Amino acid sequence: MSTTLLAAEEGGNQALTGSLFIFIVLITIGITFWASRNNKTAADYYAGGRSFTGVQNGFAVAGDYMSAASFLGISGAIALSGYDGFLYSIGFLVAWLVALLLVAELLRNSGRFTMADQLAFRMRQRPVRTAAATSTVVVSIFYLLAQMVGAGALVALLLGVDSQTAKNLTIAGVGVLMIFYVTVGGMKGTTWVQIVKAVLLMTGTVLITVLVLAKFNFNISDMLGQAADRSGAGKAFLEPGLKYGVSTESKIDFISLGLALVLGTAGLPHILIRFYTVPTARQARKSVLWAIGLIGTFYLMTLVLGFGAAALVTGDAKDKIAASGGNLASPLLAEAVGGGAGSTGGALLLAFISAVAFATILAVVAGLTLTSASSVAHDLYANVWKKGKVTEKQEVKVARLAALVIGGIAIALSIPAQKLNIAFLVALAFAVAASANLPALLFNLFWRKFNTRGAVWSIYGGLISCVTLVIFSPVVSGSDTAMITGADFSWFPLANRGIISIPLGFFFGWLGTITAPDADAEARYVELDVRSMTGAGSEK
């Protein structure tokens, strides 16, 4: 085929992928405008009027949780690291058991709009809400980095551009879209975008999984064997230790990663806030059960996506996966099973999967930005600065302004983070959530003596220790894939810091509590306990 014909075909394929991408974006914008008509009160904006059923919220929770890290990062980690990459899938899934058993129903019964509402019920408002809001914003920004890095890599692939400027502009465009979703649609718009995204993501993942397995006559052993042969690592690709078993340090790093993944979900603010969108505790439980079913099915399929990419993606496409830190494994696998680069089938599947992945990113960044903005407006502005003397209209206005600021910060930080694997970036957010939020939530729910100082020390102690260890780790400096190249101030050897910061979060919560006994907080524990178990007295 002549060079001219190849160029024309490639241009047509890019037009196809670009058109489908724009179509998905227009659908989400339409949903946002449709939902915005019913945003009349703070409860509408923050919690969707508590009008979603357990099934609807289950799909929304799954849509919120199955982020770009899940769809792009985990499949890429498996494609590059084999068995060790699949450990991300296991950790993300097992984490839901902690959320289901310890947090979901109790939080729904005893809170209102944000995590801080539950903590501040029996403690002094200002210090606890300030600490909780600070932690919420930090966790959300770490999570936003992962989604926006994925967006940059994805759209560059869609449009066939390698320019760094184009990737940076893509990240800025995603930031503008997420600000639009939050300021216009609020929780209702965000939830419906997440529901649609969950349906699209499950559909696309099932389709690619079936097509990959069909290549091997539905014999998973053949797929794994070919993946091992083409990985360059042989049988070690299918065994533990390729990434996390090379040294004692890497083994400790894996334990640290596992702790962050398993414990982090129950402390993620954008997941916690979803439990407030249902009218009853029963619906909250139903939400989690539906979410577990969807998420569990999805993570099992990432096994096929990751090993399928290792087995079927070859040549220049394989080099692109490695260069992107694994983030392009799923889209390039879709192209491969559709007929390969340059084929119409490959272009169609690449377009569909890339559009689904982009919808995934849009839905998650909207949820994260809404969570951060809600915490700033409801906790800091309304209850700390204004001491509750503020109208709902003023509070929602501040939430929209906060979304604008947080979106700008996320854009600025995402640009230097583009070389990092997005599953790894999300693990950073999980570590902060597990270190700062989870200890305070669990102590507040189950320890009668827990008090204001304990909550503040727990949140700030876990947050500061975790972020400090991130700054002085190889993630930020001292390695070829660090955010800051040409500098080395990394004295902490582990890429995952949860093994240090999570115990510190619990320790500081205990230490703060025993050094400042608070009879009032202890007395209100009984009321909180009744509310958390029964929902009696909580605002519906």
Protein backbone atom coordinates (compact mmCIF):
# COMPACT_ATOMS: atom_id res chain seq x y z
CA MET A 1 0.00 0.00 0.00
CA SER A 2 1.42 3.42 -0.87
CA THR A 3 2.52 5.95 1.72
CA THR A 4 -0.28 8.28 0.61
CA LEU A 5 -2.94 5.60 1.14
CA LEU A 6 -1.52 4.68 4.55
CA ALA A 7 -1.53 8.32 5.61
CA ALA A 8 -5.12 8.73 4.41
CA GLU A 9 -6.24 5.60 6.27
CA GLU A 10 -4.49 6.71 9.43
CA GLY A 11 -6.09 10.15 9.17
CA GLY A 12 -9.51 8.55 8.74
CA ASN A 13 -8.99 6.37 11.78
CA GLN A 14 -7.98 9.36 13.87
CA ALA A 15 -11.08 11.22 12.69
CA LEU A 16 -13.18 8.23 13.76
CA THR A 17 -11.62 8.02 17.21
CA GLY A 18 -11.81 11.78 17.65
CA SER A 19 -15.50 11.85 16.67
CA LEU A 20 -16.45 9.11 19.15
CA PHE A 21 -14.44 10.83 21.85
CA ILE A 22 -16.30 14.11 21.24
CA PHE A 23 -19.63 12.24 21.21
CA ILE A 24 -18.97 10.79 24.68
CA VAL A 25 -18.02 14.22 26.02
CA LEU A 26 -21.21 15.76 24.59
CA ILE A 27 -23.33 13.05 26.26
CA THR A 28 -21.80 13.82 29.66
CA ILE A 29 -22.32 17.55 29.14
CA GLY A 30 -25.98 16.92 28.25
CA ILE A 31 -26.46 14.79 31.38
CA THR A 32 -24.94 17.56 33.49
CA PHE A 33 -27.29 20.22 32.11
CA TRP A 34 -30.29 17.88 32.56
CA ALA A 35 -29.41 17.16 36.19
CA SER A 36 -28.64 20.79 37.04
CA ARG A 37 -32.32 21.74 36.75
CA ASN A 38 -33.03 20.10 40.12
CA ASN A 39 -30.20 21.65 42.13
CA LYS A 40 -32.15 23.88 44.48
CA THR A 41 -30.74 23.20 47.96
CA ALA A 42 -27.44 22.29 49.60
CA ALA A 43 -28.69 18.71 49.97
CA ASP A 44 -29.31 18.60 46.21
CA TYR A 45 -25.84 19.92 45.44
CA TYR A 46 -23.88 17.85 47.99
CA ALA A 47 -25.93 14.65 48.17
CA GLY A 48 -28.20 14.61 45.13
CA GLY A 49 -31.20 15.19 47.37
CA ARG A 50 -30.60 11.69 48.86
CA SER A 51 -32.82 10.47 46.04
CA PHE A 52 -30.78 7.63 44.53
CA THR A 53 -31.67 3.98 45.04
CA GLY A 54 -29.20 1.41 46.27
CA VAL A 55 -28.80 -0.03 42.77
CA GLN A 56 -28.26 3.38 41.19
CA ASN A 57 -25.78 4.36 43.87
CA GLY A 58 -24.04 1.00 43.55
CA PHE A 59 -23.39 1.69 39.88
CA ALA A 60 -22.28 5.24 40.75
CA VAL A 61 -19.92 3.99 43.47
CA ALA A 62 -18.47 1.47 41.02
CA GLY A 63 -18.15 4.23 38.43
CA ASP A 64 -16.40 6.43 40.96
CA TYR A 65 -14.07 3.66 42.13
CA MET A 66 -13.16 2.04 38.79
CA SER A 67 -10.98 4.92 37.80
CA ALA A 68 -8.32 5.41 35.15
CA ALA A 69 -5.98 3.68 37.58
CA SER A 70 -8.15 0.58 37.39
CA PHE A 71 -8.78 0.52 33.66
CA LEU A 72 -5.47 1.88 32.38
CA GLY A 73 -2.97 1.62 35.23
CA ILE A 74 -3.65 -1.89 36.52
CA SER A 75 -3.80 -3.51 33.09
CA GLY A 76 -0.53 -1.74 32.32
CA ALA A 77 1.06 -2.87 35.57
CA ILE A 78 0.11 -6.47 34.74
CA ALA A 79 1.39 -6.12 31.17
CA LEU A 80 4.76 -4.91 32.47
CA SER A 81 5.15 -6.82 35.76
CA GLY A 82 2.95 -9.89 35.37
CA TYR A 83 1.79 -11.48 38.62
CA ASP A 84 3.07 -8.60 40.74
CA GLY A 85 0.98 -6.16 38.71
CA PHE A 86 -2.17 -8.20 39.38
CA LEU A 87 -1.64 -7.60 43.11
CA TYR A 88 -3.07 -4.12 42.55
CA SER A 89 -6.37 -5.69 41.45
CA ILE A 90 -6.47 -7.94 44.51
CA GLY A 91 -5.73 -5.06 46.87
CA PHE A 92 -8.37 -2.75 45.38
CA LEU A 93 -11.02 -5.48 45.57
CA VAL A 94 -10.29 -6.77 49.08
CA ALA A 95 -10.40 -3.18 50.31
CA TRP A 96 -14.16 -3.15 49.77
CA LEU A 97 -14.65 -5.68 52.56
CA VAL A 98 -13.23 -3.15 55.01
CA ALA A 99 -15.52 -0.45 53.66
CA LEU A 100 -18.57 -2.75 53.83
CA LEU A 101 -17.98 -4.21 57.28
CA LEU A 102 -16.64 -1.19 59.15
CA VAL A 103 -17.69 2.06 57.51
CA ALA A 104 -20.53 2.20 54.95
CA GLU A 105 -23.69 1.82 57.03
CA LEU A 106 -22.30 3.44 60.18
CA LEU A 107 -21.12 6.50 58.29
CA ARG A 108 -24.41 6.89 56.44
CA ASN A 109 -26.36 6.79 59.71
CA SER A 110 -24.22 9.26 61.64
CA GLY A 111 -23.17 11.84 59.04
CA ARG A 112 -24.76 14.33 56.71
CA PHE A 113 -22.70 15.64 53.77
CA THR A 114 -18.97 15.14 54.49
CA MET A 115 -16.62 12.96 56.53
CA ALA A 116 -16.17 15.85 58.96
CA ASP A 117 -19.88 15.84 59.85
CA GLN A 118 -19.46 12.41 61.40
CA LEU A 119 -16.28 13.33 63.28
CA ALA A 120 -17.55 16.68 64.53
CA PHE A 121 -20.77 15.24 65.99
CA ARG A 122 -19.21 14.72 69.43
CA MET A 123 -16.17 16.96 69.18
CA ARG A 124 -15.23 20.62 68.85
CA GLN A 125 -16.26 21.77 65.38
CA ARG A 126 -13.50 24.09 64.22
CA PRO A 127 -10.30 22.06 64.75
CA VAL A 128 -11.84 18.76 63.61
CA ARG A 129 -13.51 20.19 60.51
CA THR A 130 -10.34 22.06 59.53
CA ALA A 131 -8.25 18.91 59.82
CA ALA A 132 -10.77 16.75 57.95
CA ALA A 133 -11.17 19.30 55.15
CA THR A 134 -7.39 19.59 54.75
CA SER A 135 -7.03 15.82 54.49
CA THR A 136 -9.93 15.58 52.03
CA VAL A 137 -8.38 18.13 49.67
CA VAL A 138 -4.93 16.50 49.80
CA VAL A 139 -6.27 12.98 49.13
CA SER A 140 -8.46 14.24 46.31
CA ILE A 141 -5.62 16.11 44.62
CA PHE A 142 -3.37 13.03 44.68
CA TYR A 143 -6.19 11.05 43.11
CA LEU A 144 -6.84 13.78 40.55
CA LEU A 145 -3.21 13.63 39.44
CA ALA A 146 -3.66 10.00 38.41
CA GLN A 147 -6.80 10.65 36.38
CA MET A 148 -5.42 13.67 34.56
CA VAL A 149 -2.11 11.99 33.73
CA GLY A 150 -4.15 9.17 32.20
CA ALA A 151 -6.16 11.70 30.21
CA GLY A 152 -3.04 13.25 28.73
CA ALA A 153 -1.64 9.90 27.58
CA LEU A 154 -5.01 8.73 26.28
CA VAL A 155 -5.90 11.73 24.15
CA ALA A 156 -2.37 11.91 22.75
CA LEU A 157 -2.89 8.33 21.55
CA LEU A 158 -6.38 9.13 20.22
CA LEU A 159 -5.24 12.11 18.18
CA GLY A 160 -1.91 10.58 17.16
CA VAL A 161 0.23 13.34 18.66
CA ASP A 162 3.44 12.99 20.65
CA SER A 163 3.84 16.66 21.48
CA GLN A 164 4.24 17.42 25.17
CA THR A 165 2.35 20.65 24.59
CA ALA A 166 -0.64 18.71 23.27
CA LYS A 167 -0.63 16.46 26.35
CA ASN A 168 -0.46 19.51 28.62
CA LEU A 169 -3.38 21.13 26.80
CA THR A 170 -5.36 17.89 27.18
CA ILE A 171 -4.80 17.92 30.92
CA ALA A 172 -5.97 21.53 31.04
CA GLY A 173 -9.05 20.60 29.00
CA VAL A 174 -9.95 17.78 31.40
CA GLY A 175 -9.59 20.24 34.26
CA VAL A 176 -11.99 22.66 32.60
CA LEU A 177 -14.54 19.88 31.99
CA MET A 178 -14.41 18.62 35.57
CA ILE A 179 -14.92 22.16 36.88
CA PHE A 180 -17.96 22.44 34.59
CA TYR A 181 -19.48 19.15 35.83
CA VAL A 182 -19.14 20.17 39.46
CA THR A 183 -20.20 23.80 39.24
CA VAL A 184 -23.21 23.09 37.00
CA GLY A 185 -24.33 19.56 37.81
CA GLY A 186 -23.45 19.10 41.48
CA MET A 187 -23.92 15.62 42.95
CA LYS A 188 -26.90 14.77 40.74
CA GLY A 189 -25.07 15.48 37.52
CA THR A 190 -21.91 13.79 38.76
CA THR A 191 -23.80 10.67 39.87
CA TRP A 192 -25.56 10.19 36.53
CA VAL A 193 -22.28 10.67 34.66
CA GLN A 194 -20.77 7.98 36.91
CA ILE A 195 -23.68 5.59 36.31
CA VAL A 196 -23.41 5.96 32.52
CA LYS A 197 -19.65 5.59 32.75
CA ALA A 198 -19.95 2.37 34.82
CA VAL A 199 -22.25 0.82 32.20
CA LEU A 200 -19.91 1.84 29.36
CA LEU A 201 -16.82 0.62 31.19
CA MET A 202 -18.29 -2.79 32.02
CA THR A 203 -19.55 -3.17 28.44
CA GLY A 204 -16.17 -2.27 26.94
CA THR A 205 -14.22 -4.45 29.35
CA VAL A 206 -16.45 -7.49 28.75
CA LEU A 207 -16.13 -6.99 24.97
CA ILE A 208 -12.32 -6.83 25.01
CA THR A 209 -12.08 -9.73 27.47
CA VAL A 210 -14.19 -11.97 25.21
CA LEU A 211 -12.21 -10.97 22.11
CA VAL A 212 -8.88 -11.62 23.84
CA LEU A 213 -9.97 -15.03 25.11
CA ALA A 214 -11.34 -15.90 21.66
CA LYS A 215 -7.82 -15.45 20.27
CA PHE A 216 -6.78 -18.37 22.48
CA ASN A 217 -9.95 -20.46 22.05
CA PHE A 218 -10.93 -19.42 25.60
CA ASN A 219 -7.91 -21.26 27.02
CA ILE A 220 -6.49 -18.98 29.71
CA SER A 221 -3.40 -21.17 30.10
CA ASP A 222 -2.44 -20.56 26.47
CA MET A 223 -2.86 -16.82 26.96
CA LEU A 224 -0.67 -16.83 30.08
CA GLY A 225 1.95 -18.96 28.35
CA GLN A 226 2.21 -16.62 25.38
CA ALA A 227 2.30 -13.60 27.68
CA ALA A 228 5.22 -15.11 29.58
CA ASP A 229 7.06 -16.01 26.37
CA ARG A 230 6.72 -12.49 24.94
CA SER A 231 7.42 -10.65 28.19
CA GLY A 232 11.13 -11.39 28.12
CA ALA A 233 10.97 -12.70 31.69
CA GLY A 234 9.78 -16.25 30.97
CA LYS A 235 8.07 -18.17 33.77
CA ALA A 236 9.05 -15.46 36.28
CA PHE A 237 6.38 -13.28 34.64
CA LEU A 238 3.69 -15.56 36.07
CA GLU A 239 5.23 -15.92 39.53
CA PRO A 240 5.49 -13.60 42.53
CA GLY A 241 8.60 -11.50 42.88
CA LEU A 242 9.33 -10.04 39.45
CA LYS A 243 8.85 -6.50 40.78
CA TYR A 244 8.47 -6.79 44.55
CA GLY A 245 10.72 -9.79 45.27
CA VAL A 246 14.07 -8.62 43.98
CA SER A 247 15.31 -7.43 47.38
CA THR A 248 14.30 -7.13 51.02
CA GLU A 249 13.50 -3.49 50.39
CA SER A 250 11.13 -4.32 47.54
CA LYS A 251 9.35 -6.93 49.69
CA ILE A 252 8.78 -4.36 52.41
CA ASP A 253 7.59 -1.97 49.71
CA PHE A 254 4.99 -4.53 48.64
CA ILE A 255 3.70 -5.00 52.19
CA SER A 256 3.44 -1.22 52.43
CA LEU A 257 1.50 -1.09 49.15
CA GLY A 258 -0.87 -3.84 50.32
CA LEU A 259 -1.66 -2.00 53.56
CA ALA A 260 -2.43 1.21 51.68
CA LEU A 261 -4.69 -0.49 49.13
CA VAL A 262 -6.65 -2.62 51.61
CA LEU A 263 -7.16 0.10 54.22
CA GLY A 264 -7.31 3.15 51.97
CA THR A 265 -10.72 2.63 50.35
CA ALA A 266 -12.59 3.04 53.64
CA GLY A 267 -10.94 6.45 54.05
CA LEU A 268 -11.34 7.84 50.52
CA PRO A 269 -13.47 11.01 50.80
CA HIS A 270 -15.02 10.73 47.33
CA ILE A 271 -16.21 7.19 48.15
CA LEU A 272 -17.42 8.09 51.66
CA ILE A 273 -19.54 10.99 50.39
CA ARG A 274 -21.43 8.61 48.07
CA PHE A 275 -23.07 6.90 51.07
CA TYR A 276 -24.95 10.14 51.80
CA THR A 277 -26.79 10.10 48.46
CA VAL A 278 -29.18 7.30 49.48
CA PRO A 279 -32.22 7.78 51.74
CA THR A 280 -31.63 4.91 54.21
CA ALA A 281 -28.92 2.73 55.74
CA ARG A 282 -30.45 -0.28 54.00
CA GLN A 283 -29.91 1.39 50.64
CA ALA A 284 -26.32 2.20 51.69
CA ARG A 285 -25.68 -1.51 52.31
CA LYS A 286 -27.33 -2.37 49.00
CA SER A 287 -25.09 0.19 47.29
CA VAL A 288 -21.96 -1.49 48.58
CA LEU A 289 -23.17 -4.98 47.63
CA TRP A 290 -23.90 -3.90 44.05
CA ALA A 291 -20.60 -2.04 43.91
CA ILE A 292 -18.68 -5.11 45.11
CA GLY A 293 -20.34 -7.28 42.45
CA LEU A 294 -19.49 -4.86 39.65
CA ILE A 295 -16.01 -4.08 40.90
CA GLY A 296 -15.17 -7.73 41.58
CA THR A 297 -16.18 -8.73 38.07
CA PHE A 298 -14.20 -5.88 36.59
CA TYR A 299 -10.99 -6.65 38.49
CA LEU A 300 -11.14 -10.28 37.43
CA MET A 301 -11.25 -9.08 33.84
CA THR A 302 -8.16 -6.88 34.35
CA LEU A 303 -6.27 -10.18 34.53
CA VAL A 304 -7.22 -10.83 30.89
CA LEU A 305 -6.57 -7.22 29.85
CA GLY A 306 -3.08 -7.14 31.35
CA PHE A 307 -1.83 -10.58 30.32
CA GLY A 308 -3.65 -10.22 27.00
CA ALA A 309 -1.70 -7.04 26.28
CA ALA A 310 1.55 -8.80 27.13
CA ALA A 311 0.63 -11.67 24.81
CA LEU A 312 -0.89 -9.84 21.83
CA VAL A 313 0.59 -6.34 21.64
CA THR A 314 3.88 -6.35 19.75
CA GLY A 315 6.30 -4.07 17.90
CA ASP A 316 5.99 -0.31 18.20
CA ALA A 317 2.75 -0.61 20.18
CA LYS A 318 4.55 -2.63 22.85
CA ASP A 319 7.20 0.08 23.09
CA LYS A 320 4.43 2.66 23.55
CA ILE A 321 3.07 0.68 26.52
CA ALA A 322 6.49 0.67 28.19
CA ALA A 323 7.07 4.37 27.43
CA SER A 324 3.71 5.30 28.97
CA GLY A 325 4.43 3.41 32.20
CA GLY A 326 1.83 0.84 31.13
CA ASN A 327 -0.99 3.38 30.87
CA LEU A 328 -1.77 2.60 27.20
CA ALA A 329 -2.01 -1.20 27.54
CA SER A 330 -5.84 -1.44 27.39
CA PRO A 331 -6.38 0.88 24.38
CA LEU A 332 -3.56 -0.73 22.38
CA LEU A 333 -4.87 -4.19 23.27
CA ALA A 334 -8.27 -3.15 21.90
CA GLU A 335 -6.59 -2.07 18.68
CA ALA A 336 -4.71 -5.37 18.46
CA VAL A 337 -7.76 -7.64 18.90
CA GLY A 338 -9.74 -5.49 16.47
CA GLY A 339 -7.34 -6.20 13.62
CA GLY A 340 -4.21 -4.25 14.44
CA ALA A 341 -2.91 -0.77 13.67
CA GLY A 342 -4.33 0.70 10.46
CA SER A 343 -7.35 -1.62 10.31
CA THR A 344 -10.91 -0.36 10.50
CA GLY A 345 -11.79 -2.85 13.25
CA GLY A 346 -8.73 -1.84 15.23
CA ALA A 347 -9.59 1.82 14.86
CA LEU A 348 -13.20 1.24 15.96
CA LEU A 349 -12.22 -0.69 19.09
CA LEU A 350 -9.42 1.74 19.91
CA ALA A 351 -11.89 4.60 19.55
CA PHE A 352 -14.52 2.93 21.71
CA ILE A 353 -12.18 1.83 24.49
CA SER A 354 -10.36 5.15 24.52
CA ALA A 355 -13.66 7.02 24.68
CA VAL A 356 -14.81 4.77 27.54
CA ALA A 357 -11.53 5.38 29.35
CA PHE A 358 -11.93 9.11 28.88
CA ALA A 359 -15.49 8.94 30.23
CA THR A 360 -14.01 7.04 33.18
CA ILE A 361 -11.59 9.87 33.81
CA LEU A 362 -14.26 12.56 33.50
CA ALA A 363 -16.60 10.80 35.94
CA VAL A 364 -13.94 10.24 38.57
CA VAL A 365 -12.41 13.71 38.42
CA ALA A 366 -15.88 15.20 38.79
CA GLY A 367 -16.52 13.13 41.91
CA LEU A 368 -13.15 14.06 43.40
CA THR A 369 -13.53 17.75 42.69
CA LEU A 370 -17.05 17.80 44.10
CA THR A 371 -15.85 16.10 47.28
CA SER A 372 -13.05 18.61 47.79
CA ALA A 373 -15.24 21.59 46.99
CA SER A 374 -17.98 20.33 49.33
CA SER A 375 -15.53 19.97 52.18
CA VAL A 376 -14.09 23.45 51.65
CA ALA A 377 -17.54 25.05 51.47
CA HIS A 378 -19.42 22.98 54.07
CA ASP A 379 -16.66 22.37 56.61
CA LEU A 380 -14.27 25.32 56.30
CA TYR A 381 -16.46 28.15 55.05
CA ALA A 382 -19.86 27.40 56.61
CA ASN A 383 -18.86 25.80 59.91
CA VAL A 384 -15.34 27.08 60.67
CA TRP A 385 -15.19 30.58 59.24
CA LYS A 386 -18.89 31.50 59.41
CA LYS A 387 -19.70 29.28 62.45
CA GLY A 388 -22.89 28.03 60.83
CA LYS A 389 -24.26 31.52 60.13
CA VAL A 390 -24.55 31.17 56.37
CA THR A 391 -27.32 30.49 53.88
CA GLU A 392 -27.43 27.41 51.70
CA LYS A 393 -27.17 29.62 48.62
CA GLN A 394 -23.95 31.20 49.90
CA GLU A 395 -22.51 27.81 50.81
CA VAL A 396 -23.16 26.34 47.36
CA LYS A 397 -21.66 29.43 45.72
CA VAL A 398 -18.45 28.95 47.71
CA ALA A 399 -18.41 25.26 46.73
CA ARG A 400 -18.45 26.25 43.08
CA LEU A 401 -15.61 28.74 43.58
CA ALA A 402 -13.64 26.08 45.46
CA ALA A 403 -14.07 23.68 42.53
CA LEU A 404 -12.47 26.29 40.27
CA VAL A 405 -9.44 26.71 42.54
CA ILE A 406 -8.97 22.97 43.17
CA GLY A 407 -9.22 22.28 39.45
CA GLY A 408 -6.46 24.81 38.79
CA ILE A 409 -4.19 23.26 41.39
CA ALA A 410 -4.78 19.77 39.96
CA ILE A 411 -3.89 20.96 36.45
CA ALA A 412 -0.66 22.58 37.65
CA LEU A 413 0.49 19.49 39.56
CA SER A 414 -0.52 16.95 36.90
CA ILE A 415 1.81 18.26 34.20
CA PRO A 416 5.11 17.24 35.92
CA ALA A 417 3.62 13.89 37.03
CA GLN A 418 3.02 12.48 33.53
CA LYS A 419 5.87 9.94 33.64
CA LEU A 420 4.40 8.04 36.58
CA ASN A 421 2.11 5.00 36.34
CA ILE A 422 -1.40 6.08 37.27
CA ALA A 423 -2.12 2.99 39.36
CA PHE A 424 0.90 3.95 41.41
CA LEU A 425 -0.32 7.55 41.73
CA VAL A 426 -3.65 6.32 43.06
CA ALA A 427 -1.78 4.18 45.59
CA LEU A 428 -0.38 7.46 46.94
CA ALA A 429 -3.94 8.72 47.51
CA PHE A 430 -4.88 5.43 49.18
CA ALA A 431 -1.89 5.71 51.51
CA VAL A 432 -2.88 9.23 52.60
CA ALA A 433 -6.51 8.15 53.10
CA ALA A 434 -5.47 5.12 55.15
CA SER A 435 -3.01 7.16 57.22
CA ALA A 436 -5.07 10.26 57.93
CA ASN A 437 -8.79 9.49 57.53
CA LEU A 438 -9.32 5.86 58.46
CA PRO A 439 -7.76 5.98 61.97
CA ALA A 440 -9.92 8.95 62.92
CA LEU A 441 -13.10 7.38 61.53
CA LEU A 442 -12.56 4.02 63.23
CA PHE A 443 -11.56 5.55 66.56
CA ASN A 444 -14.61 7.82 66.47
CA LEU A 445 -16.99 4.94 65.72
CA PHE A 446 -15.60 2.37 68.14
CA TRP A 447 -13.62 4.09 70.94
CA ARG A 448 -15.64 5.83 73.64
CA LYS A 449 -12.71 7.92 74.92
CA PHE A 450 -11.70 9.31 71.52
CA ASN A 451 -11.79 13.11 71.51
CA THR A 452 -10.96 16.30 69.63
CA ARG A 453 -7.21 16.24 70.19
CA GLY A 454 -7.09 12.59 69.20
CA ALA A 455 -8.95 13.31 65.95
CA VAL A 456 -6.79 16.30 65.05
CA TRP A 457 -3.52 14.55 65.90
CA SER A 458 -4.60 11.42 64.04
CA ILE A 459 -5.49 13.29 60.85
CA TYR A 460 -2.54 15.67 60.80
CA GLY A 461 -0.09 13.05 62.06
CA GLY A 462 -1.01 10.54 59.36
CA LEU A 463 -1.27 13.21 56.67
CA ILE A 464 2.02 14.97 57.38
CA SER A 465 4.02 11.77 57.84
CA CYS A 466 2.65 10.29 54.60
CA VAL A 467 3.15 13.40 52.46
CA THR A 468 6.61 14.01 53.91
CA LEU A 469 7.71 10.48 53.05
CA VAL A 470 6.33 10.93 49.53
CA ILE A 471 8.34 14.14 49.05
CA PHE A 472 11.57 12.47 50.16
CA SER A 473 10.98 9.21 48.24
CA PRO A 474 12.24 8.14 44.78
CA VAL A 475 8.83 9.10 43.41
CA VAL A 476 9.68 12.81 43.56
CA SER A 477 13.47 12.84 42.98
CA GLY A 478 16.49 10.63 42.51
CA SER A 479 15.27 8.35 39.69
CA ASP A 480 14.70 8.50 35.93
CA THR A 481 10.91 8.37 36.37
CA ALA A 482 10.75 10.89 39.23
CA MET A 483 8.56 13.98 39.04
CA ILE A 484 11.64 16.18 39.43
CA THR A 485 14.58 15.13 37.28
CA GLY A 486 18.14 16.38 37.77
CA ALA A 487 17.79 16.50 41.56
CA ASP A 488 18.10 13.96 44.35
CA PHE A 489 16.82 14.58 47.87
CA SER A 490 15.29 11.12 48.35
CA TRP A 491 16.41 9.69 51.69
CA PHE A 492 13.33 7.45 52.19
CA PRO A 493 13.96 4.27 50.17
CA LEU A 494 10.38 2.97 49.69
CA ALA A 495 8.06 4.04 46.90
CA ASN A 496 5.08 3.12 49.14
CA ARG A 497 5.08 4.64 52.61
CA GLY A 498 1.94 3.14 54.17
CA ILE A 499 3.87 0.71 56.38
CA ILE A 500 5.20 3.74 58.31
CA SER A 501 2.47 6.38 57.99
CA ILE A 502 -0.61 4.19 58.68
CA PRO A 503 0.59 3.00 62.11
CA LEU A 504 1.63 6.58 62.86
CA GLY A 505 -1.91 7.78 62.13
CA PHE A 506 -3.33 5.33 64.68
CA PHE A 507 -0.54 6.09 67.16
CA PHE A 508 -1.07 9.86 67.05
CA GLY A 509 -4.84 9.36 67.48
CA TRP A 510 -4.23 7.25 70.58
CA LEU A 511 -1.58 9.61 71.97
CA GLY A 512 -3.70 12.73 71.46
CA THR A 513 -6.66 11.09 73.17
CA ILE A 514 -4.91 9.86 76.31
CA THR A 515 -3.06 13.17 76.84
CA ALA A 516 -6.25 15.27 76.88
CA PRO A 517 -9.28 13.39 78.29
CA ASP A 518 -12.57 14.97 77.25
CA ALA A 519 -15.66 14.08 79.29
CA ASP A 520 -18.05 15.81 76.86
CA ALA A 521 -16.83 13.82 73.86
CA GLU A 522 -17.05 10.62 75.88
CA ALA A 523 -20.58 11.44 77.01
CA ARG A 524 -21.78 11.99 73.44
CA TYR A 525 -20.38 8.65 72.30
CA VAL A 526 -23.54 6.84 73.40
CA GLU A 527 -25.71 9.02 71.17
CA LEU A 528 -23.30 8.59 68.23
CA ASP A 529 -23.27 4.82 68.79
CA VAL A 530 -27.09 4.66 68.67
CA ARG A 531 -27.22 6.85 65.56
CA SER A 532 -24.56 4.84 63.75
CA MET A 533 -26.30 1.53 64.49
CA THR A 534 -29.91 2.57 63.91
CA GLY A 535 -29.93 5.87 62.05
CA ALA A 536 -32.23 7.31 64.73
CA GLY A 537 -31.90 11.09 64.84
CA SER A 538 -29.74 11.38 61.75
CA GLU A 539 -30.72 13.80 58.99
CA LYS A 540 -32.18 11.99 56.02
